[in-house]
C-alpha atoms as a PDB file:
ATOM      1  CA  MET A   1     -63.818  -2.426 -88.468  1.00  0.00           C
ATOM      2  CA  ASP A   2     -63.919  -5.642 -90.747  1.00  0.00           C
ATOM      3  CA  ARG A   3     -62.372  -9.016 -90.056  1.00  0.00           C
ATOM      4  CA  ARG A   4     -59.369  -8.458 -92.253  1.00  0.00           C
ATOM      5  CA  ALA A   5     -58.596  -4.962 -90.941  1.00  0.00           C
ATOM      6  CA  PHE A   6     -58.888  -6.216 -87.406  1.00  0.00           C
ATOM      7  CA  LYS A   7     -55.989  -9.011 -88.202  1.00  0.00           C
ATOM      8  CA  ARG A   8     -53.835  -6.594 -89.833  1.00  0.00           C
ATOM      9  CA  TRP A   9     -53.969  -4.277 -86.663  1.00  0.00           C
ATOM     10  CA  ARG A  10     -53.273  -7.185 -84.617  1.00  0.00           C
ATOM     11  CA  GLN A  11     -50.445  -8.091 -86.701  1.00  0.00           C
ATOM     12  CA  GLY A  12     -49.164  -4.669 -87.064  1.00  0.00           C
ATOM     13  CA  GLN A  13     -49.224  -4.384 -83.267  1.00  0.00           C
ATOM     14  CA  PHE A  14     -47.118  -7.521 -83.052  1.00  0.00           C
ATOM     15  CA  LEU A  15     -49.553  -8.997 -81.142  1.00  0.00           C
ATOM     16  CA  SER A  16     -50.566 -12.849 -80.864  1.00  0.00           C
ATOM     17  CA  GLN A  17     -54.345 -13.908 -80.787  1.00  0.00           C
ATOM     18  CA  VAL A  18     -53.566 -14.956 -77.050  1.00  0.00           C
ATOM     19  CA  GLU A  19     -52.338 -11.368 -76.355  1.00  0.00           C
ATOM     20  CA  VAL A  20     -55.232  -9.618 -77.714  1.00  0.00           C
ATOM     21  CA  ALA A  21     -57.775 -11.613 -75.915  1.00  0.00           C
ATOM     22  CA  MET A  22     -55.907 -10.871 -72.616  1.00  0.00           C
ATOM     23  CA  LEU A  23     -56.306  -7.099 -73.437  1.00  0.00           C
ATOM     24  CA  PHE A  24     -59.982  -7.182 -74.317  1.00  0.00           C
ATOM     25  CA  ASP A  25     -60.651  -9.695 -71.752  1.00  0.00           C
ATOM     26  CA  VAL A  26     -62.180 -12.288 -74.081  1.00  0.00           C
ATOM     27  CA  THR A  27     -61.080 -15.853 -75.107  1.00  0.00           C
ATOM     28  CA  GLU A  28     -58.606 -16.655 -77.652  1.00  0.00           C
ATOM     29  CA  SER A  29     -61.424 -18.383 -79.731  1.00  0.00           C
ATOM     30  CA  THR A  30     -63.477 -14.994 -79.782  1.00  0.00           C
ATOM     31  CA  ILE A  31     -60.311 -13.280 -81.303  1.00  0.00           C
ATOM     32  CA  LYS A  32     -60.335 -16.289 -84.263  1.00  0.00           C
ATOM     33  CA  ASN A  33     -63.870 -15.972 -84.709  1.00  0.00           C
ATOM     34  CA  TRP A  34     -63.634 -12.135 -85.371  1.00  0.00           C
ATOM     35  CA  GLU A  35     -60.769 -13.055 -87.747  1.00  0.00           C
ATOM     36  CA  ARG A  36     -62.414 -15.578 -89.502  1.00  0.00           C
ATOM     37  CA  GLY A  37     -65.687 -13.481 -89.907  1.00  0.00           C
ATOM     38  CA  THR A  38     -67.706 -15.985 -87.820  1.00  0.00           C
ATOM     39  CA  TYR A  39     -68.669 -12.939 -85.521  1.00  0.00           C
ATOM     40  CA  ARG A  40     -68.307  -9.185 -86.658  1.00  0.00           C
ATOM     41  CA  VAL A  41     -65.640  -7.378 -84.737  1.00  0.00           C
ATOM     42  CA  PRO A  42     -67.646  -5.143 -82.264  1.00  0.00           C
ATOM     43  CA  LYS A  43     -67.720  -1.110 -82.596  1.00  0.00           C
ATOM     44  CA  LEU A  44     -65.984  -0.966 -78.919  1.00  0.00           C
ATOM     45  CA  ALA A  45     -63.335  -3.557 -80.004  1.00  0.00           C
ATOM     46  CA  GLU A  46     -62.499  -1.063 -82.800  1.00  0.00           C
ATOM     47  CA  LEU A  47     -62.399   1.757 -80.355  1.00  0.00           C
ATOM     48  CA  ALA A  48     -59.921  -0.234 -77.999  1.00  0.00           C
ATOM     49  CA  CYS A  49     -57.562  -1.172 -80.913  1.00  0.00           C
ATOM     50  CA  GLU A  50     -57.448   2.942 -81.467  1.00  0.00           C
ATOM     51  CA  ALA A  51     -56.640   3.341 -77.816  1.00  0.00           C
ATOM     52  CA  ILE A  52     -54.224   0.610 -77.734  1.00  0.00           C
ATOM     53  CA  SER A  53     -52.595   1.808 -81.291  1.00  0.00           C
ATOM     54  CA  GLN A  54     -51.861   5.053 -79.424  1.00  0.00           C
ATOM     55  CA  ALA A  55     -50.470   3.706 -76.226  1.00  0.00           C
ATOM     56  CA  ARG A  56     -48.183   1.211 -78.328  1.00  0.00           C
ATOM     57  CA  ALA A  57     -46.971   3.477 -80.925  1.00  0.00           C
ATOM     58  CA  THR A  58     -43.331   4.103 -79.521  1.00  0.00           C
ATOM     59  CA  GLN A  59     -43.151   0.579 -78.895  1.00  0.00           C
ATOM     60  CA  VAL A  60     -44.616  -0.533 -82.365  1.00  0.00           C
ATOM     61  CA  ARG A  61     -41.982   2.145 -83.850  1.00  0.00           C
ATOM     62  CA  LYS A  62     -39.047   0.203 -81.813  1.00  0.00           C
ATOM     63  CA  LEU A  63     -40.336  -3.200 -83.246  1.00  0.00           C
ATOM     64  CA  ARG A  64     -40.581  -2.260 -86.813  1.00  0.00           C
ATOM     65  CA  ALA A  65     -37.166  -0.649 -86.835  1.00  0.00           C
ATOM     66  CA  ALA A  66     -35.636  -3.538 -85.222  1.00  0.00           C
ATOM     67  CA  ARG A  67     -37.383  -5.844 -87.678  1.00  0.00           C
ATOM     68  CA  GLU A  68     -35.836  -3.831 -90.453  1.00  0.00           C
ATOM     69  CA  GLU A  69     -32.520  -3.851 -89.228  1.00  0.00           C
ATOM     70  CA  LEU A  70     -32.665  -7.662 -88.596  1.00  0.00           C
ATOM     71  CA  ALA A  71     -33.666  -8.079 -92.593  1.00  0.00           C
ATOM     72  CA  HIS A  72     -30.951  -5.443 -93.616  1.00  0.00           C
ATOM     73  CA  LYS A  73     -28.383  -7.584 -91.792  1.00  0.00           C
ATOM     74  CA  ARG A  74     -29.632 -10.516 -93.319  1.00  0.00           C
ATOM     75  CA  ARG A  75     -29.452  -9.222 -96.594  1.00  0.00           C
ATOM     76  CA  LEU A  76     -25.978  -8.104 -95.859  1.00  0.00           C
ATOM     77  CA  LYS A  77     -24.815 -11.609 -94.809  1.00  0.00           C
ATOM     78  CA  ALA A  78     -26.312 -13.139 -97.872  1.00  0.00           C
ATOM     79  CA  ILE A  79     -24.698 -10.596-100.210  1.00  0.00           C
ATOM     80  CA  ALA A  80     -21.141 -11.384 -98.289  1.00  0.00           C
ATOM     81  CA  GLN A  81     -21.699 -15.295 -98.227  1.00  0.00           C
ATOM     82  CA  GLY A  82     -22.500 -14.893-102.298  1.00  0.00           C
ATOM     83  CA  LEU A  83     -19.240 -12.713-102.803  1.00  0.00           C
ATOM     84  CA  HIS A  84     -16.913 -15.273-100.663  1.00  0.00           C
ATOM     85  CA  ASP A  85     -18.793 -18.325-102.183  1.00  0.00           C
ATOM     86  CA  PRO A  86     -15.859 -20.087-103.773  1.00  0.00           C
ATOM     87  CA  ARG A  87     -18.448 -22.083-106.543  1.00  0.00           C
END
């Protein structure tokens, strides 16, 4: 897993660098270094990502659905405001 894939994974799991550091029992600076490419993401971390993804699958689906619902409500509100805008 390269640094970009690791960062995409973290963001896709709705996790901060601090949260991933706690899950992996490393420092936040280690996570930052992995994402910057200063150090390679270890193979063991890649395996941990897979396990974490499986364990969090239901929660992540709910978070994505909530994010999509919020975006939809915002679009509807913007449309409604545009229709009622007396300009």
